[in-house]
């Protein structure tokens, strides 16, 4: 993940144009999406006031990507649940939980790409070699840690719902 201290400044003008100060060119939302894919950090600021508009522009990029045919990553059920959380006690802990879940997801994807780990996901348990079981155990451990981190991150949500049960099966 890039650091904001090394971030390129993108200025957003009143006419909705985006200006890349590093290259002295105007850019599009698609250009910014490509910068993100290349792990290039940027901060978007209002050209007149200096207000940080990064969150707004990232939301616009996601909106554009979600509206492309076949590009949707967020199911309607997920978005409905997310909308329900706005304005509730859990709003403070949800960003952390989502960041942690995304980091765990990306970490798992990167690990699956390594030396033969994909085989554990493609084979049935009866066909699996001993090394595949090790990979499966590692995946289960990663999932357990993820559940524990979500369990720690969402105490306000559980309190709001009156649910004192833990998400984690540990200690049950």
Protein backbone atom coordinates (compact mmCIF):
# COMPACT_ATOMS: atom_id res chain seq x y z
CA UNK A 1 0.00 0.00 0.00
CA UNK A 2 1.46 3.39 -0.96
CA UNK A 3 2.13 6.06 1.64
CA UNK A 4 0.32 9.41 1.36
CA UNK A 5 3.60 11.25 2.03
CA UNK A 6 4.81 10.13 -1.41
CA UNK A 7 1.45 10.83 -2.98
CA UNK A 8 0.98 12.76 -6.18
CA UNK A 9 -1.37 15.71 -5.85
CA UNK A 10 -4.39 15.63 -8.14
CA UNK A 11 -6.27 18.91 -8.24
CA UNK A 12 -9.98 18.87 -8.93
CA UNK A 13 -11.34 22.00 -10.55
CA UNK A 14 -14.86 23.41 -10.43
CA UNK A 15 -15.44 22.19 -13.98
CA UNK A 16 -14.86 18.63 -12.63
CA UNK A 17 -11.54 18.26 -14.43
CA UNK A 18 -8.71 16.47 -12.64
CA UNK A 19 -5.17 17.81 -12.97
CA UNK A 20 -2.14 15.58 -12.26
CA UNK A 21 0.48 17.92 -10.80
CA UNK A 22 3.30 15.41 -11.36
CA UNK A 23 2.84 15.20 -15.12
CA UNK A 24 1.11 18.58 -15.64
CA UNK A 25 -1.72 16.88 -17.51
CA UNK A 26 -5.44 16.43 -17.09
CA UNK A 27 -6.47 12.91 -16.12
CA UNK A 28 -9.69 10.91 -16.01
CA UNK A 29 -11.19 8.65 -13.39
CA UNK A 30 -9.97 5.73 -15.51
CA UNK A 31 -6.43 7.13 -15.34
CA UNK A 32 -6.69 7.31 -11.55
CA UNK A 33 -7.97 3.72 -11.44
CA UNK A 34 -4.90 2.66 -13.43
CA UNK A 35 -2.65 4.55 -10.99
CA UNK A 36 -4.26 2.59 -8.15
CA UNK A 37 -3.68 -0.70 -9.97
CA UNK A 38 0.00 0.27 -10.31
CA UNK A 39 0.04 1.09 -6.57
CA UNK A 40 0.77 4.77 -7.22
CA UNK A 41 -0.39 6.96 -4.37
CA UNK A 42 -2.34 10.14 -4.98
CA UNK A 43 -4.38 12.64 -3.02
CA UNK A 44 -7.17 14.61 -4.64
CA UNK A 45 -7.72 18.14 -3.42
CA UNK A 46 -10.08 20.92 -4.40
CA UNK A 47 -8.05 23.34 -6.52
CA UNK A 48 -9.70 26.38 -4.92
CA UNK A 49 -10.09 25.43 -1.24
CA UNK A 50 -7.50 22.67 -0.82
CA UNK A 51 -10.15 20.40 0.73
CA UNK A 52 -9.25 16.70 0.56
CA UNK A 53 -11.58 15.08 -1.99
CA UNK A 54 -9.79 11.73 -2.20
CA UNK A 55 -12.60 9.71 -0.60
CA UNK A 56 -15.19 11.29 -2.89
CA UNK A 57 -13.14 10.60 -6.03
CA UNK A 58 -12.41 7.00 -4.98
CA UNK A 59 -16.15 6.53 -4.47
CA UNK A 60 -16.75 7.90 -7.97
CA UNK A 61 -14.21 5.45 -9.40
CA UNK A 62 -15.94 2.54 -7.66
CA UNK A 63 -19.32 3.80 -8.92
CA UNK A 64 -18.02 3.87 -12.49
CA UNK A 65 -16.46 0.40 -12.20
CA UNK A 66 -19.60 -1.08 -10.61
CA UNK A 67 -21.67 0.20 -13.53
CA UNK A 68 -19.54 -1.46 -16.20
CA UNK A 69 -21.05 -4.65 -17.59
CA UNK A 70 -19.80 -7.68 -15.71
CA UNK A 71 -17.59 -5.65 -13.37
CA UNK A 72 -19.65 -5.63 -10.18
CA UNK A 73 -17.73 -6.75 -7.08
CA UNK A 74 -20.30 -5.69 -4.49
CA UNK A 75 -23.48 -7.76 -4.30
CA UNK A 76 -26.70 -5.92 -3.52
CA UNK A 77 -27.05 -7.75 -0.20
CA UNK A 78 -23.60 -6.49 0.88
CA UNK A 79 -24.44 -2.91 -0.13
CA UNK A 80 -27.77 -3.07 1.75
CA UNK A 81 -25.98 -4.27 4.88
CA UNK A 82 -23.41 -1.51 4.50
CA UNK A 83 -26.12 1.14 4.15
CA UNK A 84 -27.84 -0.15 7.30
CA UNK A 85 -24.64 0.47 9.27
CA UNK A 86 -24.45 4.18 8.46
CA UNK A 87 -25.32 6.33 11.47
CA UNK A 88 -25.09 3.45 13.94
CA UNK A 89 -22.59 2.81 16.72
CA UNK A 90 -20.75 0.34 14.52
CA UNK A 91 -19.82 3.01 11.99
CA UNK A 92 -16.56 3.63 13.83
CA UNK A 93 -15.45 0.00 13.74
CA UNK A 94 -16.74 -1.00 10.30
CA UNK A 95 -13.97 0.69 8.29
CA UNK A 96 -11.33 -1.16 10.31
CA UNK A 97 -13.15 -4.48 9.91
CA UNK A 98 -13.54 -3.96 6.15
CA UNK A 99 -9.89 -2.97 5.74
CA UNK A 100 -8.81 -6.03 7.72
CA UNK A 101 -11.09 -8.34 5.74
CA UNK A 102 -9.78 -6.93 2.44
CA UNK A 103 -6.16 -7.25 3.59
CA UNK A 104 -6.78 -10.86 4.63
CA UNK A 105 -8.51 -11.59 1.32
CA UNK A 106 -5.64 -10.11 -0.70
CA UNK A 107 -3.06 -11.91 1.45
CA UNK A 108 -4.85 -15.19 0.86
CA UNK A 109 -4.98 -14.59 -2.89
CA UNK A 110 -1.25 -13.84 -2.98
CA UNK A 111 -0.42 -16.96 -0.98
CA UNK A 112 -2.60 -19.13 -3.23
CA UNK A 113 -0.54 -18.01 -6.22
CA UNK A 114 2.61 -19.46 -4.67
CA UNK A 115 4.21 -22.88 -5.20
CA UNK A 116 1.41 -25.33 -5.82
CA UNK A 117 -0.97 -24.04 -3.18
CA UNK A 118 -3.78 -23.88 -5.72
CA UNK A 119 -3.77 -27.68 -5.86
CA UNK A 120 -5.22 -27.84 -2.36
CA UNK A 121 -8.26 -25.94 -3.56
CA UNK A 122 -8.73 -28.00 -6.71
CA UNK A 123 -8.39 -31.51 -5.26
CA UNK A 124 -10.83 -33.41 -3.13
CA UNK A 125 -9.69 -34.38 0.36
CA UNK A 126 -9.31 -38.01 -0.66
CA UNK A 127 -6.94 -37.09 -3.50
CA UNK A 128 -4.97 -34.53 -1.52
CA UNK A 129 -1.30 -35.09 -0.77
CA UNK A 130 0.08 -34.46 2.77
CA UNK A 131 1.42 -31.07 1.66
CA UNK A 132 -2.06 -30.07 0.55
CA UNK A 133 -3.38 -30.69 4.06
CA UNK A 134 -0.71 -28.36 5.40
CA UNK A 135 -1.93 -25.67 3.00
CA UNK A 136 -5.52 -26.27 4.07
CA UNK A 137 -4.54 -25.99 7.74
CA UNK A 138 -2.77 -22.70 6.99
CA UNK A 139 -5.89 -21.41 5.23
CA UNK A 140 -8.05 -22.45 8.20
CA UNK A 141 -5.66 -20.67 10.57
CA UNK A 142 -5.85 -17.52 8.43
CA UNK A 143 -9.65 -17.71 8.51
CA UNK A 144 -9.60 -18.18 12.30
CA UNK A 145 -7.40 -15.09 12.71
CA UNK A 146 -9.72 -13.13 10.43
CA UNK A 147 -12.76 -14.14 12.51
CA UNK A 148 -10.97 -13.10 15.68
CA UNK A 149 -10.03 -9.70 14.22
CA UNK A 150 -13.59 -9.09 13.08
CA UNK A 151 -14.85 -10.24 16.47
CA UNK A 152 -12.59 -7.67 18.16
CA UNK A 153 -13.50 -4.91 15.70
CA UNK A 154 -17.25 -5.14 16.02
CA UNK A 155 -18.08 -4.94 19.74
CA UNK A 156 -20.17 -1.80 19.20
CA UNK A 157 -22.27 -3.52 16.52
CA UNK A 158 -22.91 -6.56 18.73
CA UNK A 159 -23.83 -4.26 21.63
CA UNK A 160 -26.19 -2.27 19.39
CA UNK A 161 -27.98 -5.47 18.32
CA UNK A 162 -27.92 -6.89 21.85
CA UNK A 163 -25.90 -9.83 20.56
CA UNK A 164 -23.23 -10.89 23.02
CA UNK A 165 -22.26 -14.03 21.13
CA UNK A 166 -18.79 -14.19 19.67
CA UNK A 167 -18.28 -14.76 15.96
CA UNK A 168 -15.22 -16.83 16.71
CA UNK A 169 -15.67 -20.53 17.49
CA UNK A 170 -12.62 -20.33 19.77
CA UNK A 171 -13.49 -21.18 23.37
CA UNK A 172 -16.93 -22.59 22.54
